[in-house]
Amino acid sequence: MARPEFAFELRNAIHKVIRTKETVYKSGIEIEIESVFRMMSLDVSPLKIEWDEPLLLIVFTLQEQVEKFIENGKVGKNNSTQKDRRIKKLTEELNNIRGEMNTIIEAQETTYEELQAANEEIVSTNEEFQTLNEELETSKEEIQASNEELLSTNHELQMRNDLLSESYEYSEAIIATIHEPMLVLNKELHVKFANKSFYKKFQVKKEETEGRFLFELGNNQWNILKLRELFNDILSKNRGFENFEVTHTFPGIGEKVMLLNANLIIQKTHSEQLILLAIEDITERYHHHLKEKNSLSLIEASLDPLVTINTDGKITDMNEATVNITGWKRDKLIGSDFFDYFTEPQKAREVYLEVFANGSVADSPLTLRHKKGKLTDVLFNGSVYKDDEGNVLGVVIVARDVTEQKRISTELNEAKVFAELATEIALKEKTKAENAKKTSRGCGELETAVFIKYEP
């Protein structure tokens, strides 16, 4: 601990050095050492050494001897001088202390103002920190909400991706298992995908198909001029085509009649343009249509009503004579029950069943009814018709109108009866005349007999 004589000076010097970071020198400090007053100075300097707290170097220096106390109690002039000197010294020290106190007060006021400003700044910073903290909390909540939304979106995207994958696999499965041959082509008309039906129908392999130019498939089997023109039109006008009929003979397969349908597919993800080509083989249908067309010509050529009926007794086709004799239009007749147009439906059904049982029937009499009530007598003739495998598909019925024949036959029968009656009358009159002649001969009178001859 410092001695009382210079403790105050030492504290001030240390404080000033810490504040100013500069050396402080104090001199004229009077201390009593062994009853002798001596002058001392102190030098406080900051050390330029890195440490947790500031390090100071303090140097104390003793100066000349001032005066030795007279212990025997003498008083006098020397004692008075010493007091004056001490008073003067204390006065100077007091003035110095006041000046230093003023300096310290000013420094404290400045420090207080700085502290006040710092405190205000701290308060402001604290408010800013508070606001920032609130913003961070809000941002945290927003981030959390965004994160939850992103997780939900990610989950939804994952679900959509899974659905898309499933849809893609499902579409591929559908295309692969569909009965009609199908091809997927790029804009250069190279095959990207073909289904099983295509390979089976046209007898080609996968490695010979995928990646190949369409018109080079199967040793140029698809090099069809009309098909080339169609695809050129697709690529130039960005549109597809529907039900384009092509007849072409394929080596080793034979002639095929095909319906081609093409549609453009734009893959937005890859910005790729694809063409979906569906090929429908209508060869059998085409030839069947020709047969039906020829049959229809024969049907229409018949002057008698002609009807085709399926195994359920429903009308499938008819000629114009049937329309005229029933009074019903074609759309009404097709699909209707054949037996409803006869006066005796049950009898008509029995004749129809007889055709299936025997393969044919001839001249079965029936009566057709017009929708307005007119009756027409017909002779029912029919036979079964079959497909290429021999399966019975239905019956063909021809109903020959015999109304005029029946009228003529009736008139002939009536004329025959009338002629027979007239002959009988004539014979009676002849007999009567002969009898009368015999009588007249006896009476001498001449009678004349009249004979009537009937010509129908």
Protein backbone atom coordinates (compact mmCIF):
# COMPACT_ATOMS: atom_id res chain seq x y z
CA MET A 1 0.00 0.00 0.00
CA ALA A 2 1.25 3.48 -0.81
CA ARG A 3 2.19 5.92 1.97
CA PRO A 4 -0.40 8.59 2.76
CA GLU A 5 1.95 11.38 1.60
CA PHE A 6 1.84 10.36 -2.04
CA ALA A 7 -1.08 7.87 -2.27
CA PHE A 8 -3.40 10.45 -3.74
CA GLU A 9 -0.81 11.62 -6.26
CA LEU A 10 -0.11 8.04 -7.25
CA ARG A 11 -3.80 7.20 -7.81
CA ASN A 12 -4.26 10.32 -9.98
CA ALA A 13 -1.16 9.55 -11.98
CA ILE A 14 -2.22 5.94 -12.58
CA HIS A 15 -5.71 7.04 -13.59
CA LYS A 16 -4.33 9.62 -16.02
CA VAL A 17 -1.92 7.15 -17.61
CA ILE A 18 -4.68 4.58 -18.12
CA ARG A 19 -6.91 7.25 -19.65
CA THR A 20 -4.35 8.97 -21.89
CA LYS A 21 -2.00 6.05 -22.57
CA GLU A 22 0.89 8.52 -21.99
CA THR A 23 3.64 8.87 -19.32
CA VAL A 24 2.81 11.02 -16.27
CA TYR A 25 5.54 12.67 -14.17
CA LYS A 26 4.95 14.12 -10.70
CA SER A 27 7.58 15.94 -8.62
CA GLY A 28 7.88 18.00 -5.37
CA ILE A 29 6.17 15.39 -3.28
CA GLU A 30 7.36 15.82 0.37
CA ILE A 31 7.64 12.75 2.51
CA GLU A 32 9.10 12.14 6.00
CA ILE A 33 11.80 9.55 6.23
CA GLU A 34 13.38 8.98 9.71
CA SER A 35 12.29 12.41 10.98
CA VAL A 36 13.77 14.02 7.87
CA PHE A 37 11.63 15.68 5.19
CA ARG A 38 12.73 14.83 1.68
CA MET A 39 11.36 15.65 -1.77
CA MET A 40 10.29 12.79 -4.08
CA SER A 41 9.13 12.47 -7.64
CA LEU A 42 7.27 9.62 -9.39
CA ASP A 43 7.18 8.58 -13.02
CA VAL A 44 4.28 6.37 -14.29
CA SER A 45 4.65 4.92 -17.81
CA PRO A 46 2.45 2.40 -19.71
CA LEU A 47 4.21 -0.79 -20.82
CA LYS A 48 3.69 -1.88 -24.40
CA ILE A 49 3.11 -5.50 -23.52
CA GLU A 50 -0.03 -7.44 -24.57
CA TRP A 51 -1.88 -8.53 -21.45
CA ASP A 52 -5.40 -8.99 -20.20
CA GLU A 53 -5.05 -5.74 -18.18
CA PRO A 54 -2.80 -2.66 -18.78
CA LEU A 55 0.67 -2.90 -17.23
CA LEU A 56 2.33 0.24 -15.76
CA LEU A 57 5.91 1.00 -14.80
CA ILE A 58 6.18 3.28 -11.69
CA VAL A 59 9.55 4.83 -10.79
CA PHE A 60 10.00 6.65 -7.42
CA THR A 61 12.94 9.12 -7.13
CA LEU A 62 14.11 10.72 -3.84
CA GLN A 63 15.52 14.27 -4.03
CA GLU A 64 17.50 16.51 -1.59
CA GLN A 65 17.01 16.45 2.19
CA VAL A 66 14.76 19.28 3.39
CA GLU A 67 15.17 19.51 7.19
CA LYS A 68 15.64 17.36 10.23
CA PHE A 69 13.23 17.73 13.15
CA ILE A 70 14.61 18.98 16.36
CA GLU A 71 13.35 16.45 18.82
CA ASN A 72 14.29 18.44 21.91
CA GLY A 73 11.16 20.65 21.44
CA LYS A 74 12.83 23.84 20.26
CA VAL A 75 10.54 26.33 18.64
CA GLY A 76 11.50 29.42 16.73
CA LYS A 77 12.09 30.80 13.36
CA ASN A 78 12.92 27.48 11.78
CA ASN A 79 9.62 26.01 12.94
CA SER A 80 7.67 28.94 11.49
CA THR A 81 9.47 28.64 8.15
CA GLN A 82 8.66 25.00 7.96
CA LYS A 83 4.98 25.67 8.55
CA ASP A 84 4.92 28.38 5.90
CA ARG A 85 6.59 26.10 3.48
CA ARG A 86 4.14 23.33 4.22
CA ILE A 87 1.19 25.67 3.89
CA LYS A 88 2.53 26.92 0.58
CA LYS A 89 3.13 23.41 -0.54
CA LEU A 90 -0.32 22.31 0.50
CA THR A 91 -1.83 25.34 -1.21
CA GLU A 92 -0.01 24.51 -4.44
CA GLU A 93 -1.04 20.89 -4.13
CA LEU A 94 -4.63 21.94 -3.44
CA ASN A 95 -4.64 24.17 -6.51
CA ASN A 96 -3.13 21.39 -8.55
CA ILE A 97 -5.66 18.99 -7.15
CA ARG A 98 -8.50 21.40 -7.97
CA GLY A 99 -7.21 21.73 -11.49
CA GLU A 100 -6.90 17.99 -11.78
CA MET A 101 -10.34 17.58 -10.19
CA ASN A 102 -11.79 19.96 -12.76
CA THR A 103 -10.06 18.01 -15.47
CA ILE A 104 -11.34 14.77 -13.97
CA ILE A 105 -14.84 16.24 -13.64
CA GLU A 106 -14.75 17.38 -17.25
CA ALA A 107 -13.45 13.99 -18.26
CA GLN A 108 -16.16 12.33 -16.20
CA GLU A 109 -18.79 14.59 -17.74
CA THR A 110 -17.46 13.75 -21.17
CA THR A 111 -17.35 10.11 -20.20
CA TYR A 112 -20.86 10.41 -18.80
CA GLU A 113 -22.07 11.99 -22.01
CA GLU A 114 -20.32 9.28 -23.96
CA LEU A 115 -21.81 6.70 -21.63
CA GLN A 116 -25.18 8.38 -22.02
CA ALA A 117 -24.81 8.34 -25.79
CA ALA A 118 -23.51 4.79 -25.61
CA ASN A 119 -26.44 3.86 -23.39
CA GLU A 120 -28.87 5.47 -25.82
CA GLU A 121 -27.10 3.70 -28.63
CA ILE A 122 -27.29 0.49 -26.65
CA VAL A 123 -31.00 1.09 -26.03
CA SER A 124 -31.49 1.86 -29.72
CA THR A 125 -29.40 -1.15 -30.63
CA ASN A 126 -31.37 -3.20 -28.16
CA GLU A 127 -34.60 -1.99 -29.79
CA GLU A 128 -33.13 -2.78 -33.18
CA PHE A 129 -32.08 -6.14 -31.84
CA GLN A 130 -35.58 -6.60 -30.46
CA THR A 131 -37.09 -5.64 -33.81
CA LEU A 132 -34.57 -7.81 -35.58
CA ASN A 133 -35.36 -10.62 -33.19
CA GLU A 134 -39.07 -10.20 -33.91
CA GLU A 135 -38.30 -10.13 -37.62
CA LEU A 136 -36.16 -13.20 -37.17
CA GLU A 137 -38.98 -14.89 -35.28
CA THR A 138 -41.36 -13.91 -38.07
CA SER A 139 -38.84 -15.03 -40.66
CA LYS A 140 -38.37 -18.23 -38.71
CA GLU A 141 -42.11 -18.83 -38.77
CA GLU A 142 -42.24 -17.93 -42.47
CA ILE A 143 -39.25 -20.18 -43.15
CA GLN A 144 -40.90 -22.93 -41.15
CA ALA A 145 -44.16 -22.41 -43.04
CA SER A 146 -42.24 -22.28 -46.32
CA ASN A 147 -40.36 -25.39 -45.32
CA GLU A 148 -43.61 -27.17 -44.54
CA GLU A 149 -45.04 -25.91 -47.83
CA LEU A 150 -41.91 -27.09 -49.65
CA LEU A 151 -42.17 -30.46 -47.94
CA SER A 152 -45.82 -30.64 -48.95
CA THR A 153 -44.96 -29.52 -52.48
CA ASN A 154 -42.10 -31.99 -52.61
CA HIS A 155 -44.43 -34.73 -51.40
CA GLU A 156 -47.01 -33.71 -53.99
CA LEU A 157 -44.35 -33.59 -56.71
CA GLN A 158 -43.13 -37.00 -55.63
CA MET A 159 -46.70 -38.31 -55.80
CA ARG A 160 -47.17 -36.71 -59.21
CA ASN A 161 -43.86 -38.13 -60.36
CA ASP A 162 -44.92 -41.55 -59.12
CA LEU A 163 -48.28 -41.14 -60.83
CA LEU A 164 -46.52 -39.97 -64.00
CA SER A 165 -44.24 -42.99 -63.88
CA GLU A 166 -47.20 -45.26 -63.26
CA SER A 167 -49.12 -43.51 -66.06
CA TYR A 168 -46.14 -43.90 -68.39
CA GLU A 169 -45.80 -47.58 -67.51
CA TYR A 170 -49.57 -47.97 -67.79
CA SER A 171 -49.58 -46.30 -71.22
CA GLU A 172 -46.71 -48.49 -72.36
CA ALA A 173 -48.55 -51.55 -71.07
CA ILE A 174 -51.71 -50.51 -72.92
CA ILE A 175 -49.83 -49.88 -76.14
CA ALA A 176 -47.92 -53.12 -75.73
CA THR A 177 -51.06 -55.22 -75.17
CA ILE A 178 -53.45 -53.45 -77.55
CA HIS A 179 -54.72 -55.65 -80.35
CA GLU A 180 -53.96 -53.19 -83.14
CA PRO A 181 -50.36 -52.82 -84.35
CA MET A 182 -48.89 -49.47 -83.23
CA LEU A 183 -45.68 -47.54 -83.88
CA VAL A 184 -44.16 -44.48 -82.20
CA LEU A 185 -42.01 -42.48 -84.61
CA ASN A 186 -39.80 -39.43 -84.19
CA LYS A 187 -39.92 -36.50 -86.59
CA GLU A 188 -37.28 -38.21 -88.79
CA LEU A 189 -39.72 -41.16 -89.08
CA HIS A 190 -37.43 -43.52 -87.18
CA VAL A 191 -39.17 -46.10 -84.99
CA LYS A 192 -38.83 -45.41 -81.26
CA PHE A 193 -41.27 -48.07 -80.09
CA ALA A 194 -43.47 -50.83 -81.53
CA ASN A 195 -45.98 -53.03 -79.71
CA LYS A 196 -46.21 -56.82 -79.76
CA SER A 197 -49.09 -56.81 -82.23
CA PHE A 198 -46.93 -55.07 -84.81
CA TYR A 199 -44.15 -57.66 -84.50
CA LYS A 200 -46.65 -60.51 -84.70
CA LYS A 201 -48.76 -59.12 -87.54
CA PHE A 202 -45.90 -58.17 -89.84
CA GLN A 203 -43.47 -60.91 -88.77
CA VAL A 204 -40.53 -58.65 -87.80
CA LYS A 205 -38.23 -58.61 -84.76
CA LYS A 206 -37.58 -55.84 -82.24
CA GLU A 207 -33.91 -55.45 -83.11
CA GLU A 208 -34.90 -55.11 -86.78
CA THR A 209 -37.45 -52.41 -85.98
CA GLU A 210 -36.48 -49.96 -83.24
CA GLY A 211 -34.26 -47.15 -84.49
CA ARG A 212 -34.89 -48.05 -88.12
CA PHE A 213 -36.36 -45.78 -90.79
CA LEU A 214 -40.08 -46.59 -91.28
CA PHE A 215 -39.87 -47.11 -95.03
CA GLU A 216 -36.92 -49.50 -94.65
CA LEU A 217 -38.67 -51.91 -92.27
CA GLY A 218 -38.95 -55.54 -93.35
CA ASN A 219 -36.86 -55.14 -96.51
CA ASN A 220 -38.67 -51.95 -97.53
CA GLN A 221 -42.13 -53.49 -97.05
CA TRP A 222 -43.45 -50.14 -95.84
CA ASN A 223 -42.06 -48.14 -98.72
CA ILE A 224 -45.58 -47.17 -99.85
CA LEU A 225 -45.86 -44.06 -101.99
CA LYS A 226 -49.20 -42.92 -100.53
CA LEU A 227 -47.84 -43.37 -97.01
CA ARG A 228 -44.78 -41.25 -97.82
CA GLU A 229 -47.04 -38.49 -99.10
CA LEU A 230 -49.15 -38.64 -95.94
CA PHE A 231 -46.18 -38.32 -93.59
CA ASN A 232 -44.75 -35.45 -95.63
CA ASP A 233 -48.10 -33.72 -95.18
CA ILE A 234 -48.03 -34.42 -91.40
CA LEU A 235 -44.56 -32.95 -90.92
CA SER A 236 -45.23 -29.89 -93.08
CA LYS A 237 -48.69 -29.02 -91.68
CA ASN A 238 -48.38 -30.38 -88.12
CA ARG A 239 -51.56 -32.38 -88.29
CA GLY A 240 -52.51 -36.04 -88.26
CA PHE A 241 -54.81 -38.14 -90.41
CA GLU A 242 -57.66 -40.55 -89.73
CA ASN A 243 -58.87 -43.78 -91.33
CA PHE A 244 -56.62 -43.61 -94.37
CA GLU A 245 -57.16 -46.83 -96.28
CA VAL A 246 -54.11 -48.52 -97.78
CA THR A 247 -54.03 -51.77 -99.73
CA HIS A 248 -50.57 -53.30 -99.97
CA THR A 249 -49.09 -56.70 -100.65
CA PHE A 250 -46.45 -57.71 -98.10
CA PRO A 251 -43.92 -60.38 -99.14
CA GLY A 252 -44.56 -63.61 -97.27
CA ILE A 253 -47.80 -62.26 -95.74
CA GLY A 254 -50.01 -61.41 -98.68
CA GLU A 255 -52.35 -58.55 -99.44
CA LYS A 256 -53.44 -56.43 -96.49
CA VAL A 257 -56.14 -53.79 -96.39
CA MET A 258 -55.30 -51.35 -93.58
CA LEU A 259 -56.78 -48.27 -91.95
CA LEU A 260 -54.00 -45.93 -90.78
CA ASN A 261 -54.48 -43.30 -88.06
CA ALA A 262 -51.71 -40.90 -87.05
CA ASN A 263 -51.52 -38.23 -84.36
CA LEU A 264 -48.79 -35.80 -83.36
CA ILE A 265 -47.52 -35.97 -79.77
CA ILE A 266 -45.49 -33.07 -78.33
CA GLN A 267 -43.32 -33.95 -75.32
CA LYS A 268 -42.95 -30.59 -73.58
CA THR A 269 -40.30 -31.84 -71.16
CA HIS A 270 -37.93 -32.90 -73.91
CA SER A 271 -39.36 -30.61 -76.61
CA GLU A 272 -39.60 -33.65 -78.84
CA GLN A 273 -42.19 -34.19 -81.53
CA LEU A 274 -43.45 -37.75 -81.91
CA ILE A 275 -45.94 -39.45 -84.21
CA LEU A 276 -48.25 -42.21 -82.98
CA LEU A 277 -49.23 -44.48 -85.88
CA ALA A 278 -52.06 -46.98 -85.34
CA ILE A 279 -52.54 -49.70 -87.96
CA GLU A 280 -55.87 -51.51 -88.20
CA ASP A 281 -55.98 -54.62 -90.36
CA ILE A 282 -59.42 -54.62 -92.04
CA THR A 283 -58.66 -57.23 -94.68
CA GLU A 284 -61.31 -59.68 -93.47
CA ARG A 285 -63.80 -56.91 -92.83
CA TYR A 286 -63.11 -55.47 -96.28
CA HIS A 287 -63.77 -58.78 -98.04
CA HIS A 288 -66.82 -59.38 -95.87
CA HIS A 289 -68.05 -55.92 -96.82
CA LEU A 290 -67.61 -56.80 -100.48
CA LYS A 291 -69.64 -59.96 -99.95
CA GLU A 292 -72.33 -58.00 -98.14
CA LYS A 293 -72.30 -55.40 -100.87
CA ASN A 294 -72.76 -58.08 -103.53
CA SER A 295 -75.44 -59.73 -101.41
CA LEU A 296 -77.18 -56.39 -101.00
CA SER A 297 -77.15 -55.94 -104.76
CA LEU A 298 -78.79 -59.33 -105.12
CA ILE A 299 -81.29 -58.47 -102.40
CA GLU A 300 -82.28 -55.22 -104.05
CA ALA A 301 -82.51 -56.96 -107.40
CA SER A 302 -85.32 -59.18 -106.07
CA LEU A 303 -88.85 -57.95 -106.84
CA ASP A 304 -90.27 -60.06 -104.01
CA PRO A 305 -89.82 -58.99 -100.35
CA LEU A 306 -86.49 -60.39 -99.11
CA VAL A 307 -85.37 -60.29 -95.48
CA THR A 308 -82.30 -61.53 -93.55
CA ILE A 309 -82.97 -62.61 -89.96
CA ASN A 310 -80.46 -63.52 -87.21
CA THR A 311 -80.70 -66.47 -84.86
CA ASP A 312 -82.78 -64.39 -82.40
CA GLY A 313 -85.47 -63.70 -84.99
CA LYS A 314 -84.46 -60.05 -85.46
CA ILE A 315 -84.38 -58.44 -88.90
CA THR A 316 -80.83 -57.51 -89.94
CA ASP A 317 -81.46 -56.34 -93.52
CA MET A 318 -84.18 -56.12 -96.18
CA ASN A 319 -84.85 -54.84 -99.68
CA GLU A 320 -87.12 -52.04 -100.83
CA ALA A 321 -89.93 -54.47 -101.66
CA THR A 322 -90.14 -55.38 -97.96
CA VAL A 323 -90.38 -51.69 -97.05
CA ASN A 324 -93.23 -51.24 -99.53
CA ILE A 325 -95.22 -54.32 -98.50
CA THR A 326 -95.05 -53.52 -94.73
CA GLY A 327 -95.22 -49.72 -94.92
CA TRP A 328 -92.39 -49.35 -92.36
CA LYS A 329 -89.04 -47.60 -92.99
CA ARG A 330 -85.71 -49.45 -92.86
CA ASP A 331 -84.60 -48.01 -89.49
CA LYS A 332 -87.87 -49.24 -87.96
CA LEU A 333 -87.60 -52.70 -89.50
CA ILE A 334 -83.93 -53.35 -88.65
CA GLY A 335 -83.66 -54.91 -85.22
CA SER A 336 -87.40 -55.52 -84.91
CA ASP A 337 -89.08 -58.92 -84.43
CA PHE A 338 -89.75 -60.53 -87.83
CA PHE A 339 -92.91 -62.33 -86.65
CA ASP A 340 -94.76 -59.12 -85.73
CA TYR A 341 -95.55 -58.33 -89.40
CA PHE A 342 -97.76 -61.40 -90.01
CA THR A 343 -101.41 -61.97 -89.20
CA GLU A 344 -100.40 -65.25 -87.56
CA PRO A 345 -97.09 -64.55 -85.67
CA GLN A 346 -96.95 -68.01 -84.10
CA LYS A 347 -97.30 -69.73 -87.48
CA ALA A 348 -94.58 -67.48 -88.87
CA ARG A 349 -92.31 -68.46 -85.96
CA GLU A 350 -92.94 -72.16 -86.60
CA VAL A 351 -91.98 -71.77 -90.25
CA TYR A 352 -88.85 -69.80 -89.18
CA LEU A 353 -87.83 -72.61 -86.80
CA GLU A 354 -88.46 -75.15 -89.55
CA VAL A 355 -85.83 -73.39 -91.67
CA PHE A 356 -83.22 -73.88 -88.89
CA ALA A 357 -84.31 -77.46 -88.37
CA ASN A 358 -84.31 -78.52 -92.05
CA GLY A 359 -81.97 -75.95 -93.58
CA SER A 360 -84.74 -74.60 -95.83
CA VAL A 361 -88.50 -74.32 -96.36
CA ALA A 362 -90.59 -73.82 -99.51
CA ASP A 363 -93.98 -72.29 -100.28
CA SER A 364 -95.38 -71.99 -96.77
CA PRO A 365 -98.48 -69.78 -97.00
CA LEU A 366 -98.63 -66.75 -94.72
CA THR A 367 -100.28 -63.34 -94.73
CA LEU A 368 -98.35 -60.09 -94.30
CA ARG A 369 -100.03 -57.06 -92.71
CA HIS A 370 -99.32 -53.50 -93.93
CA LYS A 371 -99.16 -50.90 -91.16
CA LYS A 372 -102.34 -49.36 -92.59
CA GLY A 373 -104.14 -52.71 -92.45
CA LYS A 374 -103.77 -54.02 -96.01
CA LEU A 375 -103.22 -57.80 -96.12
CA THR A 376 -100.94 -59.54 -98.60
CA ASP A 377 -100.87 -63.29 -99.14
CA VAL A 378 -97.36 -64.67 -99.58
CA LEU A 379 -95.57 -67.95 -99.97
CA PHE A 380 -92.77 -68.20 -97.41
CA ASN A 381 -89.46 -69.55 -98.85
CA GLY A 382 -86.26 -69.53 -96.80
CA SER A 383 -82.83 -71.06 -96.22
CA VAL A 384 -80.04 -70.65 -93.67
CA TYR A 385 -76.84 -68.71 -94.42
CA LYS A 386 -73.43 -69.44 -92.84
CA ASP A 387 -70.02 -67.87 -92.34
CA ASP A 388 -66.76 -69.16 -93.83
CA GLU A 389 -66.40 -71.69 -90.98
CA GLY A 390 -69.85 -73.13 -91.56
CA ASN A 391 -71.53 -71.53 -88.55
CA VAL A 392 -75.19 -70.64 -89.08
CA LEU A 393 -75.65 -66.87 -88.83
CA GLY A 394 -79.34 -66.61 -89.70
CA VAL A 395 -81.90 -67.20 -92.45
CA VAL A 396 -82.79 -65.52 -95.72
CA ILE A 397 -86.53 -65.24 -96.35
CA VAL A 398 -88.24 -64.56 -99.66
CA ALA A 399 -91.97 -63.85 -99.37
CA ARG A 400 -93.52 -64.23 -102.84
CA ASP A 401 -96.72 -62.20 -103.27
CA VAL A 402 -99.46 -64.57 -104.47
CA THR A 403 -102.40 -62.18 -104.13
CA GLU A 404 -102.88 -61.86 -107.91
CA GLN A 405 -102.48 -65.57 -108.43
CA LYS A 406 -105.06 -66.27 -105.77
CA ARG A 407 -107.42 -63.76 -107.41
CA ILE A 408 -107.02 -65.37 -110.80
CA SER A 409 -107.41 -68.82 -109.30
CA THR A 410 -110.56 -67.73 -107.50
CA GLU A 411 -111.99 -66.20 -110.65
CA LEU A 412 -111.18 -69.37 -112.60
CA ASN A 413 -112.83 -71.50 -109.96
CA GLU A 414 -115.88 -69.25 -109.99
CA ALA A 415 -116.04 -69.35 -113.79
CA LYS A 416 -115.70 -73.13 -113.76
CA VAL A 417 -118.57 -73.44 -111.29
CA PHE A 418 -120.70 -71.01 -113.34
CA ALA A 419 -119.90 -72.91 -116.54
CA GLU A 420 -120.83 -76.20 -114.95
CA LEU A 421 -124.08 -74.65 -113.72
CA ALA A 422 -124.84 -73.23 -117.16
CA THR A 423 -124.13 -76.58 -118.78
CA GLU A 424 -126.47 -78.27 -116.35
CA ILE A 425 -129.19 -75.73 -117.11
CA ALA A 426 -128.61 -76.15 -120.82
CA LEU A 427 -128.88 -79.92 -120.52
CA LYS A 428 -132.10 -79.54 -118.58
CA GLU A 429 -133.47 -77.19 -121.24
CA LYS A 430 -132.38 -79.60 -123.96
CA THR A 431 -134.15 -82.46 -122.24
CA LYS A 432 -137.22 -80.29 -121.79
CA ALA A 433 -137.11 -79.28 -125.43
CA GLU A 434 -136.83 -82.86 -126.60
CA ASN A 435 -139.77 -83.80 -124.48
CA ALA A 436 -141.73 -80.89 -125.84
CA LYS A 437 -140.85 -81.92 -129.42
CA LYS A 438 -142.14 -85.33 -128.85
CA THR A 439 -145.34 -83.87 -127.51
CA SER A 440 -145.67 -81.46 -130.40
CA ARG A 441 -145.25 -84.23 -132.91
CA GLY A 442 -148.12 -85.87 -131.30
CA CYS A 443 -150.12 -82.68 -131.46
CA GLY A 444 -148.84 -81.75 -134.89
CA GLU A 445 -147.20 -78.69 -133.63
CA LEU A 446 -143.57 -77.68 -134.20
CA GLU A 447 -141.57 -76.37 -131.27
CA THR A 448 -138.06 -74.89 -131.31
CA ALA A 449 -135.48 -75.67 -128.54
CA VAL A 450 -133.01 -72.90 -127.47
CA PHE A 451 -129.54 -73.85 -126.10
CA ILE A 452 -127.42 -71.34 -124.16
CA LYS A 453 -123.61 -71.67 -124.32
CA TYR A 454 -121.50 -69.91 -121.55
CA GLU A 455 -118.00 -68.76 -122.31
CA PRO A 456 -116.04 -67.39 -119.38
